[in-house]
């Protein structure tokens, strides 16, 4: 290791570059009990962009009653004007889309489920009813020239239903793509996936006509498998990976879910494999140390813990 960076030893048949879809400001913070001031959120996003992240999911336009942490979306977005990074936002329905479009948002995401139990818990609808709810949202967004991402949770396992059949995930994935989503993020919401399962699902999706250039992966590290699963996805040709700075986040409706894959841990692995990300690991680590101080606890990211005592970019 030289100056806090891994030795670069490329592996065969991996992409030359990976786009990191940073979810810390939205997915990472949404479950925090302490409401983070909007000024801190804006600074967090700006610091992430300065660290080289070019896609940062900023907030959600869900009703404040359901996610109080993100009730300041209308205040936050104007504070980010002029940033070069892509700033997608989550919208739950047509009203959320209207709020986002009024602020000039150019990318949105909708959040669906591969299982009936989670769809009911999270959306109070069946899987098919949720797709029907998303259809006009996606259509209106596309008409406005807005890019649409579809999140699909519980792709590998569900706390109520157990193992999720691959054919079931493919069917719901196909439904989301058919209503007009540009990209689909496959979520391992409770962190039970293993690499062979990842490879089989990606193969089945490819056979259904959904290829890796339209896919991202979103792994949780409940059983320590997030990086192994990411590597399996890269070997299959995926080039978009979701992660959360400092490993922030979980899932409020799946109590066994621990945090998201930490962006720093992902960057360490990618850089060691010789895969370009555009991310300055030192600046990113400093940002997560700074955010952890605001939250009053250390970052769960192993890479942040390993580097935070040596990086020269720490800012308090």
Protein backbone atom coordinates (compact mmCIF):
# COMPACT_ATOMS: atom_id res chain seq x y z
CA UNK A 1 0.00 0.00 0.00
CA UNK A 2 1.35 3.43 -0.96
CA UNK A 3 -0.13 6.62 0.53
CA UNK A 4 -3.40 4.94 1.46
CA UNK A 5 -4.05 3.31 -1.90
CA UNK A 6 -4.11 -0.39 -2.80
CA UNK A 7 -1.62 -1.92 -5.20
CA UNK A 8 -3.24 -2.00 -8.65
CA UNK A 9 -3.37 -5.54 -10.03
CA UNK A 10 -5.98 -5.78 -12.81
CA UNK A 11 -8.01 -8.96 -13.19
CA UNK A 12 -9.14 -10.24 -16.59
CA UNK A 13 -12.55 -9.62 -18.13
CA UNK A 14 -13.59 -6.71 -15.93
CA UNK A 15 -14.87 -3.30 -17.08
CA UNK A 16 -12.33 -0.52 -17.45
CA UNK A 17 -14.54 1.96 -15.60
CA UNK A 18 -17.42 1.74 -13.12
CA UNK A 19 -20.00 4.44 -12.44
CA UNK A 20 -20.72 4.66 -8.73
CA UNK A 21 -24.30 5.65 -7.96
CA UNK A 22 -23.87 7.29 -4.55
CA UNK A 23 -26.96 6.89 -2.35
CA UNK A 24 -25.69 8.19 0.99
CA UNK A 25 -27.57 11.50 1.09
CA UNK A 26 -30.91 9.79 0.41
CA UNK A 27 -30.83 6.09 1.29
CA UNK A 28 -28.04 6.56 3.82
CA UNK A 29 -29.62 9.36 5.82
CA UNK A 30 -33.32 8.56 5.50
CA UNK A 31 -33.44 6.31 8.57
CA UNK A 32 -31.39 8.50 10.89
CA UNK A 33 -33.32 9.33 14.05
CA UNK A 34 -31.57 12.69 14.37
CA UNK A 35 -32.76 15.14 11.72
CA UNK A 36 -29.69 16.36 9.84
CA UNK A 37 -29.82 20.09 9.08
CA UNK A 38 -30.41 20.89 5.42
CA UNK A 39 -27.18 22.92 5.31
CA UNK A 40 -25.23 19.84 6.41
CA UNK A 41 -26.95 17.71 3.75
CA UNK A 42 -26.06 20.25 1.06
CA UNK A 43 -22.46 20.36 2.25
CA UNK A 44 -22.35 16.56 2.32
CA UNK A 45 -23.46 16.35 -1.31
CA UNK A 46 -21.00 19.04 -2.39
CA UNK A 47 -18.13 17.28 -0.64
CA UNK A 48 -19.07 13.99 -2.30
CA UNK A 49 -19.01 15.71 -5.68
CA UNK A 50 -15.65 17.29 -4.90
CA UNK A 51 -14.36 13.79 -4.12
CA UNK A 52 -15.19 12.83 -7.71
CA UNK A 53 -18.60 11.16 -7.41
CA UNK A 54 -20.59 12.18 -10.46
CA UNK A 55 -23.97 10.59 -9.60
CA UNK A 56 -25.33 11.45 -6.15
CA UNK A 57 -28.90 10.61 -5.18
CA UNK A 58 -29.84 13.77 -3.34
CA UNK A 59 -33.20 13.26 -1.63
CA UNK A 60 -36.73 11.91 -1.90
CA UNK A 61 -40.01 13.66 -2.63
CA UNK A 62 -41.99 11.26 -0.47
CA UNK A 63 -44.60 12.73 1.89
CA UNK A 64 -42.83 14.18 4.97
CA UNK A 65 -45.03 12.05 7.24
CA UNK A 66 -43.34 8.88 6.01
CA UNK A 67 -39.71 10.05 5.89
CA UNK A 68 -39.29 13.12 8.14
CA UNK A 69 -35.55 13.17 7.50
CA UNK A 70 -36.16 14.13 3.86
CA UNK A 71 -38.97 16.63 4.44
CA UNK A 72 -36.62 19.44 3.37
CA UNK A 73 -36.34 18.40 -0.30
CA UNK A 74 -37.73 21.71 -1.55
CA UNK A 75 -35.15 23.59 0.50
CA UNK A 76 -32.25 21.30 -0.41
CA UNK A 77 -32.44 21.18 -4.19
CA UNK A 78 -32.05 24.95 -4.79
CA UNK A 79 -28.92 24.83 -2.62
CA UNK A 80 -27.36 22.43 -5.14
CA UNK A 81 -27.91 24.51 -8.27
CA UNK A 82 -24.94 24.71 -10.58
CA UNK A 83 -23.36 21.42 -9.48
CA UNK A 84 -21.87 19.36 -12.29
CA UNK A 85 -22.86 16.03 -10.72
CA UNK A 86 -26.03 14.20 -11.67
CA UNK A 87 -28.53 14.57 -8.82
CA UNK A 88 -31.33 12.02 -9.14
CA UNK A 89 -34.17 12.01 -6.59
CA UNK A 90 -36.66 9.38 -5.48
CA UNK A 91 -40.34 10.02 -6.21
CA UNK A 92 -43.12 7.77 -4.88
CA UNK A 93 -46.02 8.92 -7.05
CA UNK A 94 -47.30 11.61 -9.44
CA UNK A 95 -47.45 14.24 -6.70
CA UNK A 96 -43.81 13.59 -5.85
CA UNK A 97 -42.91 13.88 -9.52
CA UNK A 98 -44.70 17.22 -9.79
CA UNK A 99 -42.75 18.55 -6.81
CA UNK A 100 -39.47 17.37 -8.33
CA UNK A 101 -40.19 18.76 -11.80
CA UNK A 102 -41.08 22.14 -10.30
CA UNK A 103 -37.50 22.34 -9.04
CA UNK A 104 -35.94 21.39 -12.37
CA UNK A 105 -34.94 17.84 -11.45
CA UNK A 106 -33.60 15.95 -14.48
CA UNK A 107 -33.41 12.40 -13.08
CA UNK A 108 -35.84 10.49 -10.89
CA UNK A 109 -36.21 7.02 -9.43
CA UNK A 110 -39.21 4.91 -8.46
CA UNK A 111 -38.96 2.20 -5.80
CA UNK A 112 -40.62 -1.15 -6.41
CA UNK A 113 -40.49 -4.63 -4.94
CA UNK A 114 -39.94 -8.09 -6.37
CA UNK A 115 -42.11 -9.62 -3.61
CA UNK A 116 -45.70 -9.18 -2.55
CA UNK A 117 -44.90 -8.97 1.17
CA UNK A 118 -42.48 -6.09 0.81
CA UNK A 119 -44.69 -4.30 -1.71
CA UNK A 120 -47.48 -4.42 0.86
CA UNK A 121 -45.23 -3.28 3.73
CA UNK A 122 -43.52 -0.50 1.79
CA UNK A 123 -46.20 0.67 -0.65
CA UNK A 124 -49.43 -0.79 0.74
CA UNK A 125 -50.05 -2.28 -2.71
CA UNK A 126 -49.49 -5.53 -4.54
CA UNK A 127 -46.57 -5.80 -6.94
CA UNK A 128 -48.82 -5.33 -9.98
CA UNK A 129 -50.68 -2.44 -8.32
CA UNK A 130 -47.38 -0.71 -7.62
CA UNK A 131 -46.29 -1.09 -11.25
CA UNK A 132 -49.63 0.41 -12.31
CA UNK A 133 -49.01 3.33 -9.94
CA UNK A 134 -45.54 3.91 -11.38
CA UNK A 135 -46.60 3.77 -15.04
CA UNK A 136 -48.04 7.32 -15.29
CA UNK A 137 -45.14 8.66 -13.20
CA UNK A 138 -42.61 7.18 -15.60
CA UNK A 139 -44.59 8.31 -18.65
CA UNK A 140 -44.83 11.91 -17.43
CA UNK A 141 -41.17 11.96 -16.50
CA UNK A 142 -40.15 10.67 -19.92
CA UNK A 143 -42.43 13.24 -21.60
CA UNK A 144 -40.59 15.93 -19.64
CA UNK A 145 -37.22 14.61 -20.82
CA UNK A 146 -36.36 13.22 -17.39
CA UNK A 147 -34.34 10.02 -17.01
CA UNK A 148 -35.98 7.30 -14.90
CA UNK A 149 -34.35 4.67 -12.72
CA UNK A 150 -36.33 1.78 -11.27
CA UNK A 151 -35.27 0.36 -7.93
CA UNK A 152 -36.28 -3.24 -7.37
CA UNK A 153 -35.95 -4.42 -3.78
CA UNK A 154 -35.89 -7.96 -2.39
CA UNK A 155 -34.34 -9.42 -5.54
CA UNK A 156 -32.46 -12.14 -3.66
CA UNK A 157 -34.44 -12.79 -0.50
CA UNK A 158 -37.34 -11.45 1.55
CA UNK A 159 -37.64 -11.51 5.38
CA UNK A 160 -41.26 -12.72 5.16
CA UNK A 161 -41.14 -14.93 2.06
CA UNK A 162 -37.61 -16.30 2.19
CA UNK A 163 -35.85 -17.14 -1.06
CA UNK A 164 -37.20 -15.24 -4.07
CA UNK A 165 -37.48 -17.24 -7.32
CA UNK A 166 -35.32 -15.84 -10.10
CA UNK A 167 -38.24 -16.07 -12.55
CA UNK A 168 -40.28 -13.84 -10.24
CA UNK A 169 -37.57 -11.18 -10.19
CA UNK A 170 -37.24 -11.34 -13.97
CA UNK A 171 -41.00 -10.87 -14.40
CA UNK A 172 -41.14 -7.76 -12.22
CA UNK A 173 -37.92 -6.40 -13.76
CA UNK A 174 -39.43 -6.82 -17.20
CA UNK A 175 -42.56 -4.96 -16.06
CA UNK A 176 -40.52 -1.99 -14.83
CA UNK A 177 -38.54 -1.82 -18.05
CA UNK A 178 -41.70 -2.15 -20.12
CA UNK A 179 -43.28 0.94 -18.52
CA UNK A 180 -40.25 2.95 -19.60
CA UNK A 181 -37.49 2.83 -16.98
CA UNK A 182 -34.08 3.65 -18.44
CA UNK A 183 -32.18 1.72 -15.81
CA UNK A 184 -32.94 -0.90 -13.18
CA UNK A 185 -31.14 -1.22 -9.84
CA UNK A 186 -31.28 -4.75 -8.42
CA UNK A 187 -31.51 -4.58 -4.63
CA UNK A 188 -30.29 -7.20 -2.17
CA UNK A 189 -32.28 -5.48 0.56
CA UNK A 190 -31.50 -7.91 3.38
CA UNK A 191 -28.02 -8.83 2.19
CA UNK A 192 -28.55 -12.56 1.60
CA UNK A 193 -27.21 -12.82 -1.96
CA UNK A 194 -24.13 -14.82 -2.83
CA UNK A 195 -22.06 -14.55 -6.04
CA UNK A 196 -23.54 -17.57 -7.82
CA UNK A 197 -27.04 -16.25 -7.20
CA UNK A 198 -26.02 -12.85 -8.59
CA UNK A 199 -24.59 -14.44 -11.72
CA UNK A 200 -27.68 -16.59 -12.31
CA UNK A 201 -30.06 -13.64 -11.93
CA UNK A 202 -28.04 -11.48 -14.31
CA UNK A 203 -27.94 -14.33 -16.83
CA UNK A 204 -31.71 -14.79 -16.60
CA UNK A 205 -32.30 -11.07 -17.03
CA UNK A 206 -30.07 -11.07 -20.10
CA UNK A 207 -32.05 -13.94 -21.58
CA UNK A 208 -35.23 -11.88 -21.03
CA UNK A 209 -33.75 -8.98 -22.99
CA UNK A 210 -32.59 -6.84 -20.05
CA UNK A 211 -28.86 -6.48 -20.58
CA UNK A 212 -26.17 -5.20 -18.25
CA UNK A 213 -25.97 -1.74 -19.84
CA UNK A 214 -29.42 -1.12 -18.33
CA UNK A 215 -28.63 -2.59 -14.91
CA UNK A 216 -27.09 -1.49 -11.65
CA UNK A 217 -26.59 -3.49 -8.46
CA UNK A 218 -27.38 -2.44 -4.90
CA UNK A 219 -25.95 -4.77 -2.25
CA UNK A 220 -26.25 -4.70 1.52
CA UNK A 221 -23.49 -6.18 3.65
CA UNK A 222 -25.57 -8.06 6.24
CA UNK A 223 -23.57 -11.27 5.80
CA UNK A 224 -20.36 -9.67 4.54
CA UNK A 225 -21.07 -10.55 0.91
CA UNK A 226 -21.51 -7.12 -0.70
CA UNK A 227 -18.05 -6.86 -2.28
CA UNK A 228 -18.04 -10.49 -3.42
CA UNK A 229 -21.44 -9.98 -5.01
CA UNK A 230 -20.26 -6.76 -6.64
CA UNK A 231 -17.29 -8.55 -8.16
CA UNK A 232 -19.61 -11.24 -9.55
CA UNK A 233 -21.75 -8.53 -11.14
CA UNK A 234 -18.67 -6.87 -12.66
CA UNK A 235 -17.57 -10.20 -14.10
CA UNK A 236 -20.98 -10.41 -15.75
CA UNK A 237 -20.53 -6.96 -17.34
CA UNK A 238 -22.36 -4.65 -14.92
CA UNK A 239 -20.74 -1.20 -14.79
CA UNK A 240 -23.08 0.67 -12.40
CA UNK A 241 -22.81 -0.02 -8.67
CA UNK A 242 -24.81 1.62 -5.87
CA UNK A 243 -23.06 2.42 -2.61
CA UNK A 244 -23.29 4.75 0.35
CA UNK A 245 -20.49 6.95 1.66
CA UNK A 246 -19.33 5.63 5.01
CA UNK A 247 -21.69 2.65 4.75
CA UNK A 248 -24.67 4.70 5.91
CA UNK A 249 -28.18 3.32 5.61
CA UNK A 250 -30.35 0.27 5.86
CA UNK A 251 -34.00 -0.41 5.25
CA UNK A 252 -36.79 0.71 7.61
CA UNK A 253 -39.15 -2.07 6.51
CA UNK A 254 -36.62 -4.91 6.69
CA UNK A 255 -35.27 -5.04 10.23
CA UNK A 256 -32.60 -7.63 9.43
CA UNK A 257 -30.98 -5.30 6.90
CA UNK A 258 -27.73 -3.67 7.88
CA UNK A 259 -26.01 -0.87 6.05
CA UNK A 260 -25.39 -0.39 2.38
CA UNK A 261 -22.10 -1.27 0.78
CA UNK A 262 -19.69 1.49 1.81
CA UNK A 263 -18.48 3.59 -1.11
CA UNK A 264 -14.94 3.67 0.31
CA UNK A 265 -14.81 -0.14 0.52
CA UNK A 266 -16.05 -0.35 -3.07
CA UNK A 267 -13.53 2.22 -4.32
CA UNK A 268 -10.67 0.43 -2.55
CA UNK A 269 -11.53 -2.81 -4.35
CA UNK A 270 -12.12 -1.17 -7.74
CA UNK A 271 -8.90 0.82 -7.62
CA UNK A 272 -6.98 -2.32 -6.64
CA UNK A 273 -8.44 -4.03 -9.70
CA UNK A 274 -7.30 -1.16 -11.91
CA UNK A 275 -10.89 -0.04 -12.58
CA UNK A 276 -11.36 3.69 -12.97
CA UNK A 277 -13.98 5.47 -10.86
CA UNK A 278 -12.91 9.12 -10.91
CA UNK A 279 -13.07 9.12 -7.11
CA UNK A 280 -10.38 10.54 -4.79
CA UNK A 281 -10.40 8.02 -1.94
CA UNK A 282 -8.72 10.39 0.50
CA UNK A 283 -11.27 13.14 -0.02
CA UNK A 284 -14.11 10.63 0.14
CA UNK A 285 -12.80 9.17 3.41
CA UNK A 286 -12.49 12.66 4.88
CA UNK A 287 -16.08 13.38 3.88
CA UNK A 288 -17.36 10.27 5.64
CA UNK A 289 -15.33 11.07 8.77
CA UNK A 290 -16.84 14.56 8.72
CA UNK A 291 -20.37 13.18 8.28
CA UNK A 292 -19.87 10.60 11.02
CA UNK A 293 -18.94 13.42 13.39
CA UNK A 294 -22.24 15.15 12.60
CA UNK A 295 -24.09 11.90 13.30
CA UNK A 296 -22.20 11.32 16.53
CA UNK A 297 -20.79 7.89 15.77
CA UNK A 298 -17.91 6.34 13.81
CA UNK A 299 -18.35 5.17 10.25
CA UNK A 300 -18.99 1.41 9.84
CA UNK A 301 -16.84 1.38 6.69
CA UNK A 302 -13.71 -0.71 7.17
CA UNK A 303 -11.78 1.42 4.70
CA UNK A 304 -12.79 4.64 6.44
CA UNK A 305 -11.63 3.21 9.76
CA UNK A 306 -8.36 2.02 8.25
CA UNK A 307 -7.55 5.28 6.48
CA UNK A 308 -9.04 7.94 8.74
CA UNK A 309 -5.96 8.04 10.93
CA UNK A 310 -3.62 8.52 7.96
CA UNK A 311 -5.47 10.62 5.42
CA UNK A 312 -4.35 14.24 5.22
CA UNK A 313 -7.73 15.43 3.99
CA UNK A 314 -9.67 15.16 7.26
CA UNK A 315 -11.83 18.18 7.98
CA UNK A 316 -13.80 18.65 11.16
